[in-house]
Amino acid sequence: MTARSRVKTAYRPTPARGRQAALIALRNLKMARSAHAYVRGNTVRFYEWLESLESHTLPEGPPVWICGDCHVGNLGPIANARGHVEIQIRDLDQTVVGNPVHDLIRLGLSLATAARGSDLSGVIIATMIEMMMEGYERAFDKACEDADGTIESPECARVMMRQAWKRTWKNLARERIENTKPTIPLGKTFWPLSREEKRAVKQLFADEVVARLATLLRSRDEGSSVEVLDAAYWVKGCSSLGRLRVAVLLDVGRDSSRGNDLCLMDIKEAIQAAAPRYPAVRMPRDNGQRIVEGARHLAPFLGERMRASRFLDRSVFLRELLPQDLKVEINQLAREEAMKVARFLALVVGRAHARQMDASTRESWRVELQCNRSKTLDAPSWLWASIVELVGRHERGYLEHCRRYAMDSATR
C-alpha cells in the first residue's frame, strides 16, 4: 500500500467530488477562529467600506502601486534570486495603482485587531497607530533606502530574519510538503488534480519562458532541463481559498539528489482586483500581468521571481517558493513589542510606496500626511477615525460569521 492510498479520502476532494464546497467550508472555519483571522480573510468588507465613503473623506495620495490588501500576514522576509533577504510585501493579489492611504488603513486595522487579540488596551492601540505613522513617514524623510537604519527592528522581525538566513530546501520541504522526497504527499494540504489539470501543468512547463523561471537562482545553470516530478491542488491561504492553486515539484537539471536541484513552484489564479484603483491610470489588463507588475514595484525581490501565464484558459501567476520566504505571524503581542512592530511594518510599506516617487513627490506626500493632527493624538484624525469604525464593523461581522457557522455546524 502506498503512502497516498493510506490517506483518508475525506481529505482528498476532487473537482468532481465537491472541491469547491470543501474549500468554502474550510475558509469559513479559518475565519471563525479569531477576529484577526476574520479581518485577514474578509477583504471584501474593507473594500465595501471604502466604497461607502464620501469623496475627500480620505486624503488622495500620489498614484502608486499599492498592495491593496496590506494586512500583517502579507509582509515578511523575501529572498531574491541572488540569495539576499529583506522584509517586503509578499502577497500582491489585490495590487493596483491607487491611493497609498488604503494600505495604511488596512495595515492599521490589522495591527489593531492583532492587539485586541493580545488583550492590549485601547490606549496601547492608539499609541501603536502613532508609531505606525512615525514609521511610515520616516520612509519619506530622505531617500527611502536610507530610512531603515533609523528604526529598531522588533524582536519578531529579527528572529524571522535569522530563521530565513538559516533555512534550506529541507526546511521548506518538511514545512510545505512534509518530506524531502521528490513527491507531494496527498492529505489535508494537497488534494488530487484532475487529468485535465495534470496535462495543463505539463503543458505550462513545456513553455521555455515559464520553465526558465526555475533556473533563475544563482546556484542553477541557465538552460538546464526542467522536469515535472509531481503536482497537486494546494489548499492554502484564507481569502484566496476557492481559487485555483497548484503546487508543482520540479527537477532542474535531472539530478534531484541535491536540494538546490528541486524546485517547488506555486501556481495561483489571478482574478479581478477588488481593491479600488485610481481612474485613468495605466495597468496591464491581464490580471496575472497586473500582479507581476505590481510586485516589481512594491516587492522587487519577489517581483523578479514571478511570471504571468495562462492555465486552462485562466490568468495565473507563478513563483518559486524559496526556504527564506516567510510571513509575519503575530500570536501574542507585548506592549513594547507592539509599538516596534507597528512602526517597523509601516516603514516597510512606506519604503514600498516611496521608491515609486521622485524626491518632490515624496516630500509633498510627507507634508500632506502631517496635516489633520489633533493636539492629543499624533496621528491623522482620518486614520484614527477609519480604524475605529472598521474595527467595529469587522467585530460585528465576525460575531455574525461565528453565529452562522455555529448554526450551520449544528444542522450537519
Protein backbone atom coordinates (compact mmCIF):
# COMPACT_ATOMS: atom_id res chain seq x y z
CA MET A 1 0.00 0.00 0.00
CA THR A 2 1.41 3.39 -0.96
CA ALA A 3 1.57 6.44 1.29
CA ARG A 4 -1.04 8.09 -0.90
CA SER A 5 -3.54 5.25 -0.60
CA ARG A 6 -3.34 5.33 3.20
CA VAL A 7 -4.61 8.93 3.33
CA LYS A 8 -8.28 9.18 4.27
CA THR A 9 -10.43 10.06 1.30
CA ALA A 10 -12.25 12.69 3.39
CA TYR A 11 -9.21 14.89 2.95
CA ARG A 12 -8.94 14.37 -0.81
CA PRO A 13 -11.79 16.14 -2.63
CA THR A 14 -11.50 16.28 -6.40
CA PRO A 15 -13.19 18.72 -8.81
CA ALA A 16 -15.85 16.06 -9.42
CA ARG A 17 -16.36 15.38 -5.69
CA GLY A 18 -17.03 18.79 -4.19
CA ARG A 19 -13.64 20.52 -4.12
CA GLN A 20 -15.19 23.98 -4.21
CA ALA A 21 -17.66 23.25 -1.40
CA ALA A 22 -14.87 21.81 0.75
CA LEU A 23 -12.74 24.92 0.19
CA ILE A 24 -15.56 27.27 1.17
CA ALA A 25 -16.23 25.26 4.33
CA LEU A 26 -12.53 25.40 5.24
CA ARG A 27 -12.41 29.14 4.63
CA ASN A 28 -15.41 29.68 6.92
CA LEU A 29 -13.73 27.60 9.62
CA LYS A 30 -10.50 29.60 9.43
CA MET A 31 -12.36 32.90 9.62
CA ALA A 32 -14.30 31.74 12.67
CA ARG A 33 -11.14 31.07 14.71
CA SER A 34 -10.42 34.69 15.65
CA ALA A 35 -11.34 38.28 14.78
CA HIS A 36 -7.80 38.74 13.42
CA ALA A 37 -8.27 35.77 11.07
CA TYR A 38 -11.64 37.19 10.01
CA VAL A 39 -10.01 40.51 9.07
CA ARG A 40 -7.36 38.67 7.03
CA GLY A 41 -9.93 36.52 5.26
CA ASN A 42 -12.65 39.07 4.58
CA THR A 43 -11.08 41.75 2.40
CA VAL A 44 -14.42 42.44 0.72
CA ARG A 45 -15.79 44.11 3.86
CA PHE A 46 -12.85 46.54 3.81
CA TYR A 47 -13.42 47.44 0.16
CA GLU A 48 -17.15 47.88 0.75
CA TRP A 49 -16.34 50.38 3.49
CA LEU A 50 -14.02 52.29 1.15
CA GLU A 51 -16.76 52.50 -1.48
CA SER A 52 -19.25 53.84 1.09
CA LEU A 53 -17.09 56.87 1.94
CA GLU A 54 -17.92 60.31 0.63
CA SER A 55 -15.36 61.89 -1.63
CA HIS A 56 -12.47 63.70 0.06
CA THR A 57 -13.04 61.84 3.36
CA LEU A 58 -9.52 60.49 2.96
CA PRO A 59 -6.52 62.35 1.53
CA GLU A 60 -5.69 61.49 -2.07
CA GLY A 61 -2.09 60.38 -2.21
CA PRO A 62 0.07 60.18 -5.33
CA PRO A 63 -0.86 57.37 -7.76
CA VAL A 64 1.49 54.46 -6.99
CA TRP A 65 1.23 50.71 -6.96
CA ILE A 66 -0.28 49.68 -3.61
CA CYS A 67 -0.67 46.25 -2.02
CA GLY A 68 -4.45 46.64 -1.79
CA ASP A 69 -4.65 44.03 0.99
CA CYS A 70 -1.92 45.24 3.32
CA HIS A 71 -2.51 43.20 6.48
CA VAL A 72 0.24 41.95 8.78
CA GLY A 73 0.34 38.43 7.31
CA ASN A 74 1.11 39.83 3.86
CA LEU A 75 4.55 41.06 4.95
CA GLY A 76 7.66 39.02 5.70
CA PRO A 77 11.17 38.01 4.65
CA ILE A 78 11.60 37.52 0.90
CA ALA A 79 14.72 36.28 -0.89
CA ASN A 80 15.84 37.34 -4.34
CA ALA A 81 17.46 35.10 -6.93
CA ARG A 82 20.95 36.02 -5.68
CA GLY A 83 20.27 34.98 -2.09
CA HIS A 84 19.73 38.37 -0.44
CA VAL A 85 16.84 38.62 2.04
CA GLU A 86 14.68 41.60 3.04
CA ILE A 87 11.30 42.04 4.71
CA GLN A 88 8.91 43.18 1.98
CA ILE A 89 5.27 42.88 0.96
CA ARG A 90 4.75 39.23 0.00
CA ASP A 91 1.18 38.95 -1.34
CA LEU A 92 0.11 41.14 -4.26
CA ASP A 93 -3.17 39.58 -5.44
CA GLN A 94 -5.03 42.87 -4.94
CA THR A 95 -2.31 45.22 -6.16
CA VAL A 96 -3.46 48.21 -8.20
CA VAL A 97 -2.30 51.74 -8.96
CA GLY A 98 -4.24 53.50 -6.26
CA ASN A 99 -4.26 55.61 -3.13
CA PRO A 100 -1.43 54.70 -0.68
CA VAL A 101 -3.75 55.71 2.16
CA HIS A 102 -5.67 52.46 1.62
CA ASP A 103 -2.60 50.39 2.53
CA LEU A 104 -2.09 52.48 5.68
CA ILE A 105 -5.66 51.99 6.88
CA ARG A 106 -5.64 48.26 6.10
CA LEU A 107 -2.37 47.80 8.00
CA GLY A 108 -3.69 49.83 10.92
CA LEU A 109 -6.86 47.70 11.07
CA SER A 110 -4.80 44.51 11.04
CA LEU A 111 -2.50 45.76 13.81
CA ALA A 112 -5.46 46.91 15.92
CA THR A 113 -7.24 43.54 15.72
CA ALA A 114 -3.98 41.71 16.48
CA ALA A 115 -3.54 43.94 19.54
CA ARG A 116 -7.10 43.28 20.71
CA GLY A 117 -6.44 39.56 20.30
CA SER A 118 -3.45 40.03 22.60
CA ASP A 119 -5.72 41.76 25.15
CA LEU A 120 -3.94 45.10 24.80
CA SER A 121 -5.91 48.19 25.79
CA GLY A 122 -7.32 50.86 23.51
CA VAL A 123 -4.71 53.25 24.87
CA ILE A 124 -1.96 50.94 23.60
CA ILE A 125 -3.68 50.66 20.21
CA ALA A 126 -3.86 54.46 19.92
CA THR A 127 -0.13 54.65 20.61
CA MET A 128 0.52 51.87 18.08
CA ILE A 129 -1.19 53.93 15.39
CA GLU A 130 1.02 56.87 16.29
CA MET A 131 4.10 54.65 15.99
CA MET A 132 2.80 53.30 12.70
CA MET A 133 2.60 56.82 11.27
CA GLU A 134 6.08 57.61 12.58
CA GLY A 135 7.50 54.59 10.78
CA TYR A 136 5.62 55.27 7.55
CA GLU A 137 6.60 58.94 7.41
CA ARG A 138 10.24 58.08 8.13
CA ALA A 139 10.42 56.40 4.73
CA PHE A 140 9.80 59.80 3.12
CA ASP A 141 12.28 61.88 5.12
CA LYS A 142 15.16 61.13 2.75
CA ALA A 143 15.75 58.55 0.03
CA CYS A 144 13.72 55.58 1.22
CA GLU A 145 16.69 53.20 1.11
CA ASP A 146 18.38 55.19 3.90
CA ALA A 147 15.42 55.11 6.25
CA ASP A 148 15.51 51.60 7.71
CA GLY A 149 18.68 52.13 9.70
CA THR A 150 16.96 54.74 11.92
CA ILE A 151 14.23 52.45 13.31
CA GLU A 152 14.88 49.50 15.59
CA SER A 153 13.58 46.19 14.27
CA PRO A 154 11.15 44.37 16.58
CA GLU A 155 12.30 41.09 18.06
CA CYS A 156 9.89 39.07 15.90
CA ALA A 157 11.43 40.59 12.74
CA ARG A 158 14.98 39.86 13.93
CA VAL A 159 14.03 36.28 14.78
CA MET A 160 12.38 35.79 11.38
CA MET A 161 15.40 37.17 9.54
CA ARG A 162 17.72 34.82 11.46
CA GLN A 163 15.41 31.91 10.63
CA ALA A 164 15.25 32.94 6.98
CA TRP A 165 19.04 33.02 6.60
CA LYS A 166 19.42 29.54 8.13
CA ARG A 167 16.67 27.80 6.19
CA THR A 168 17.44 25.23 3.49
CA TRP A 169 15.46 23.23 0.96
CA LYS A 170 14.89 20.52 3.59
CA ASN A 171 13.21 23.06 5.89
CA LEU A 172 10.95 24.17 3.06
CA ALA A 173 10.12 20.62 2.02
CA ARG A 174 9.26 19.45 5.55
CA GLU A 175 7.14 22.54 6.15
CA ARG A 176 5.29 22.64 2.83
CA ILE A 177 5.29 19.06 1.52
CA GLU A 178 6.03 17.08 4.71
CA ASN A 179 9.09 15.25 3.38
CA THR A 180 12.20 15.75 1.26
CA LYS A 181 11.45 13.02 -1.28
CA PRO A 182 10.59 14.16 -4.82
CA THR A 183 6.80 13.71 -4.41
CA ILE A 184 3.94 15.76 -3.00
CA PRO A 185 2.01 13.64 -0.46
CA LEU A 186 -1.76 14.00 -0.69
CA GLY A 187 -3.64 14.82 2.51
CA LYS A 188 -5.18 17.85 4.22
CA THR A 189 -2.90 20.33 2.46
CA PHE A 190 -2.61 18.80 -1.02
CA TRP A 191 -5.51 17.34 -2.98
CA PRO A 192 -5.57 15.42 -6.29
CA LEU A 193 -5.64 17.21 -9.61
CA SER A 194 -7.94 16.20 -12.42
CA ARG A 195 -6.42 14.63 -15.54
CA GLU A 196 -7.05 17.85 -17.42
CA GLU A 197 -5.22 19.84 -14.74
CA LYS A 198 -2.26 17.45 -14.79
CA ARG A 199 -1.97 17.83 -18.56
CA ALA A 200 -2.16 21.59 -18.21
CA VAL A 201 0.73 21.57 -15.71
CA LYS A 202 2.98 19.67 -18.12
CA GLN A 203 2.00 21.95 -20.99
CA LEU A 204 2.72 25.01 -18.86
CA PHE A 205 6.28 23.98 -18.05
CA ALA A 206 6.91 22.89 -21.61
CA ASP A 207 6.88 26.63 -22.36
CA GLU A 208 10.52 27.74 -22.35
CA VAL A 209 9.70 31.15 -20.83
CA VAL A 210 7.90 29.54 -17.89
CA ALA A 211 10.49 26.79 -17.42
CA ARG A 212 13.25 29.41 -17.27
CA LEU A 213 11.68 30.70 -14.05
CA ALA A 214 13.05 27.58 -12.33
CA THR A 215 16.63 28.34 -13.38
CA LEU A 216 16.85 31.89 -12.01
CA LEU A 217 18.70 31.03 -8.82
CA ARG A 218 22.43 31.64 -8.91
CA SER A 219 23.04 28.02 -7.88
CA ARG A 220 21.42 26.69 -11.07
CA ASP A 221 22.66 26.71 -14.64
CA GLU A 222 20.61 28.74 -17.07
CA GLY A 223 19.27 26.50 -19.79
CA SER A 224 19.10 23.40 -17.55
CA SER A 225 16.34 20.93 -18.30
CA VAL A 226 13.18 21.22 -16.21
CA GLU A 227 11.04 18.15 -15.50
CA VAL A 228 7.71 17.98 -13.67
CA LEU A 229 8.03 15.41 -10.89
CA ASP A 230 4.65 15.87 -9.20
CA ALA A 231 1.77 18.31 -8.84
CA ALA A 232 -1.26 18.73 -6.59
CA TYR A 233 -4.04 21.17 -5.75
CA TRP A 234 -2.79 23.35 -2.87
CA VAL A 235 -5.17 24.17 -0.01
CA LYS A 236 -3.55 27.38 1.15
CA GLY A 237 -4.38 30.85 2.42
CA CYS A 238 -7.72 32.14 3.59
CA SER A 239 -9.11 34.92 1.40
CA SER A 240 -7.83 33.07 -1.69
CA LEU A 241 -9.41 29.71 -0.81
CA GLY A 242 -11.68 28.68 -3.67
CA ARG A 243 -9.39 29.92 -6.40
CA LEU A 244 -7.17 27.66 -8.45
CA ARG A 245 -3.92 26.97 -6.58
CA VAL A 246 -1.42 24.33 -7.70
CA ALA A 247 1.89 23.21 -6.19
CA VAL A 248 4.37 21.78 -8.70
CA LEU A 249 7.57 19.94 -7.80
CA LEU A 250 10.25 20.29 -10.47
CA ASP A 251 13.61 18.66 -11.06
CA VAL A 252 16.06 21.16 -12.51
CA GLY A 253 18.96 19.52 -14.32
CA ARG A 254 17.66 15.96 -13.82
CA ASP A 255 19.57 15.41 -10.57
CA SER A 256 17.14 15.51 -7.67
CA SER A 257 19.73 14.15 -5.24
CA ARG A 258 20.87 17.71 -4.49
CA GLY A 259 18.49 20.05 -2.68
CA ASN A 260 19.03 23.04 -4.96
CA ASP A 261 18.00 20.95 -7.98
CA LEU A 262 14.48 20.55 -6.58
CA CYS A 263 12.09 23.43 -7.13
CA LEU A 264 8.66 23.97 -5.55
CA MET A 265 6.58 26.19 -7.82
CA ASP A 266 3.36 27.93 -6.80
CA ILE A 267 0.71 28.50 -9.49
CA LYS A 268 -2.08 30.81 -8.35
CA GLU A 269 -5.16 32.02 -10.17
CA ALA A 270 -5.25 35.77 -10.73
CA ILE A 271 -8.71 37.33 -10.58
CA GLN A 272 -10.01 40.85 -10.95
CA ALA A 273 -8.81 43.07 -8.10
CA ALA A 274 -11.50 44.25 -5.70
CA ALA A 275 -9.20 47.00 -4.39
CA PRO A 276 -10.18 50.43 -5.75
CA ARG A 277 -7.82 51.89 -8.33
CA TYR A 278 -7.33 55.45 -9.45
CA PRO A 279 -9.27 56.26 -12.64
CA ALA A 280 -7.40 56.87 -15.88
CA VAL A 281 -4.22 55.07 -14.78
CA ARG A 282 -2.46 52.52 -16.96
CA MET A 283 -2.29 48.95 -15.70
CA PRO A 284 -1.98 45.60 -17.51
CA ARG A 285 -5.42 44.30 -18.45
CA ASP A 286 -4.45 40.69 -17.77
CA ASN A 287 -4.73 40.05 -14.02
CA GLY A 288 -1.63 37.85 -13.84
CA GLN A 289 0.45 40.52 -15.55
CA ARG A 290 -1.06 43.16 -13.24
CA ILE A 291 0.08 41.23 -10.17
CA VAL A 292 3.59 40.66 -11.53
CA GLU A 293 3.93 44.34 -12.45
CA GLY A 294 2.75 45.44 -9.01
CA ALA A 295 5.22 43.07 -7.36
CA ARG A 296 8.11 44.52 -9.36
CA HIS A 297 7.33 47.96 -7.94
CA LEU A 298 6.34 47.03 -4.38
CA ALA A 299 8.47 43.97 -3.65
CA PRO A 300 11.39 43.80 -6.12
CA PHE A 301 12.86 40.64 -4.55
CA LEU A 302 9.60 38.83 -5.21
CA GLY A 303 8.75 40.53 -8.50
CA GLU A 304 11.90 39.32 -10.24
CA ARG A 305 10.92 35.73 -9.39
CA MET A 306 7.38 35.88 -10.80
CA ARG A 307 5.85 35.27 -14.22
CA ALA A 308 2.32 35.58 -15.62
CA SER A 309 0.82 32.89 -17.84
CA ARG A 310 -2.40 31.06 -18.76
CA PHE A 311 -3.63 27.80 -17.23
CA LEU A 312 -6.78 26.14 -18.58
CA ASP A 313 -7.77 29.49 -20.04
CA ARG A 314 -7.37 31.22 -16.68
CA SER A 315 -4.95 34.00 -15.88
CA VAL A 316 -2.34 32.80 -13.37
CA PHE A 317 0.98 33.90 -11.94
CA LEU A 318 3.84 31.67 -10.90
CA ARG A 319 6.70 31.94 -8.47
CA GLU A 320 9.20 29.57 -6.98
CA LEU A 321 8.89 29.22 -3.22
CA LEU A 322 12.25 29.65 -1.51
CA PRO A 323 13.16 28.50 2.01
CA GLN A 324 13.69 32.14 3.04
CA ASP A 325 10.13 33.21 2.15
CA LEU A 326 8.23 33.58 5.42
CA LYS A 327 5.32 35.67 6.67
CA VAL A 328 4.99 37.73 9.80
CA GLU A 329 2.99 35.78 12.37
CA ILE A 330 1.62 37.66 15.38
CA ASN A 331 0.15 35.39 18.01
CA GLN A 332 0.68 37.43 21.17
CA LEU A 333 1.95 41.00 21.38
CA ALA A 334 3.54 42.53 24.48
CA ARG A 335 3.19 46.28 24.93
CA GLU A 336 6.70 47.37 23.93
CA GLU A 337 6.94 44.86 21.10
CA ALA A 338 3.59 46.06 19.72
CA MET A 339 4.98 49.58 19.31
CA LYS A 340 8.08 48.34 17.49
CA VAL A 341 6.07 46.03 15.23
CA ALA A 342 3.69 48.83 14.19
CA ARG A 343 6.49 51.27 13.46
CA PHE A 344 8.68 48.77 11.59
CA LEU A 345 5.99 47.24 9.38
CA ALA A 346 4.73 50.70 8.43
CA LEU A 347 8.28 51.59 7.45
CA VAL A 348 8.37 48.55 5.14
CA VAL A 349 5.14 49.69 3.48
CA GLY A 350 6.38 53.27 3.31
CA ARG A 351 9.56 52.21 1.55
CA ALA A 352 7.49 50.23 -1.00
CA HIS A 353 5.46 53.36 -1.77
CA ALA A 354 8.35 55.84 -1.60
CA ARG A 355 10.59 54.02 -4.08
CA GLN A 356 7.99 54.79 -6.74
CA MET A 357 8.09 58.57 -6.14
CA ASP A 358 10.59 61.23 -7.05
CA ALA A 359 12.03 63.50 -4.33
CA SER A 360 9.49 66.30 -4.71
CA THR A 361 6.54 63.91 -4.64
CA ARG A 362 7.90 62.17 -1.53
CA GLU A 363 8.27 65.49 0.26
CA SER A 364 4.81 66.78 -0.67
CA TRP A 365 3.22 63.48 0.41
CA ARG A 366 5.07 63.61 3.74
CA VAL A 367 3.78 67.15 4.35
CA GLU A 368 0.22 66.04 3.49
CA LEU A 369 0.44 63.16 5.97
CA GLN A 370 1.38 65.56 8.77
CA CYS A 371 -1.83 67.53 8.35
CA ASN A 372 -5.03 66.91 10.32
CA ARG A 373 -3.27 66.09 13.58
CA SER A 374 -5.05 66.77 16.85
CA LYS A 375 -3.42 68.20 19.96
CA THR A 376 -3.76 64.90 21.80
CA LEU A 377 -3.15 62.28 19.09
CA ASP A 378 -0.02 62.33 16.96
CA ALA A 379 -1.71 60.57 14.04
CA PRO A 380 -4.04 61.99 11.38
CA SER A 381 -7.65 62.18 12.55
CA TRP A 382 -8.87 60.46 9.36
CA LEU A 383 -6.66 57.44 10.07
CA TRP A 384 -7.78 57.00 13.67
CA ALA A 385 -11.46 57.52 12.80
CA SER A 386 -11.19 55.00 9.94
CA ILE A 387 -9.61 52.31 12.12
CA VAL A 388 -12.14 52.79 14.92
CA GLU A 389 -15.06 52.44 12.51
CA LEU A 390 -13.53 49.45 10.74
CA VAL A 391 -12.75 47.61 13.98
CA GLY A 392 -16.40 47.99 14.98
CA ARG A 393 -17.67 46.84 11.58
CA HIS A 394 -15.37 43.82 11.50
CA GLU A 395 -16.16 42.85 15.09
CA ARG A 396 -19.87 42.82 14.27
CA GLY A 397 -19.19 40.94 11.05
CA TYR A 398 -17.01 38.42 12.87
CA LEU A 399 -19.65 37.68 15.51
CA GLU A 400 -22.32 37.25 12.83
CA HIS A 401 -20.00 34.96 10.89
CA CYS A 402 -19.43 32.85 14.02
CA ARG A 403 -23.16 32.68 14.69
CA ARG A 404 -23.88 31.48 11.15
CA TYR A 405 -21.00 29.00 11.36
CA ALA A 406 -22.30 27.59 14.65
CA MET A 407 -25.83 27.25 13.27
CA ASP A 408 -24.59 25.51 10.13
CA SER A 409 -22.44 23.16 12.21
CA ALA A 410 -25.40 22.27 14.41
CA THR A 411 -27.53 21.27 11.42
CA ARG A 412 -24.92 18.96 9.88
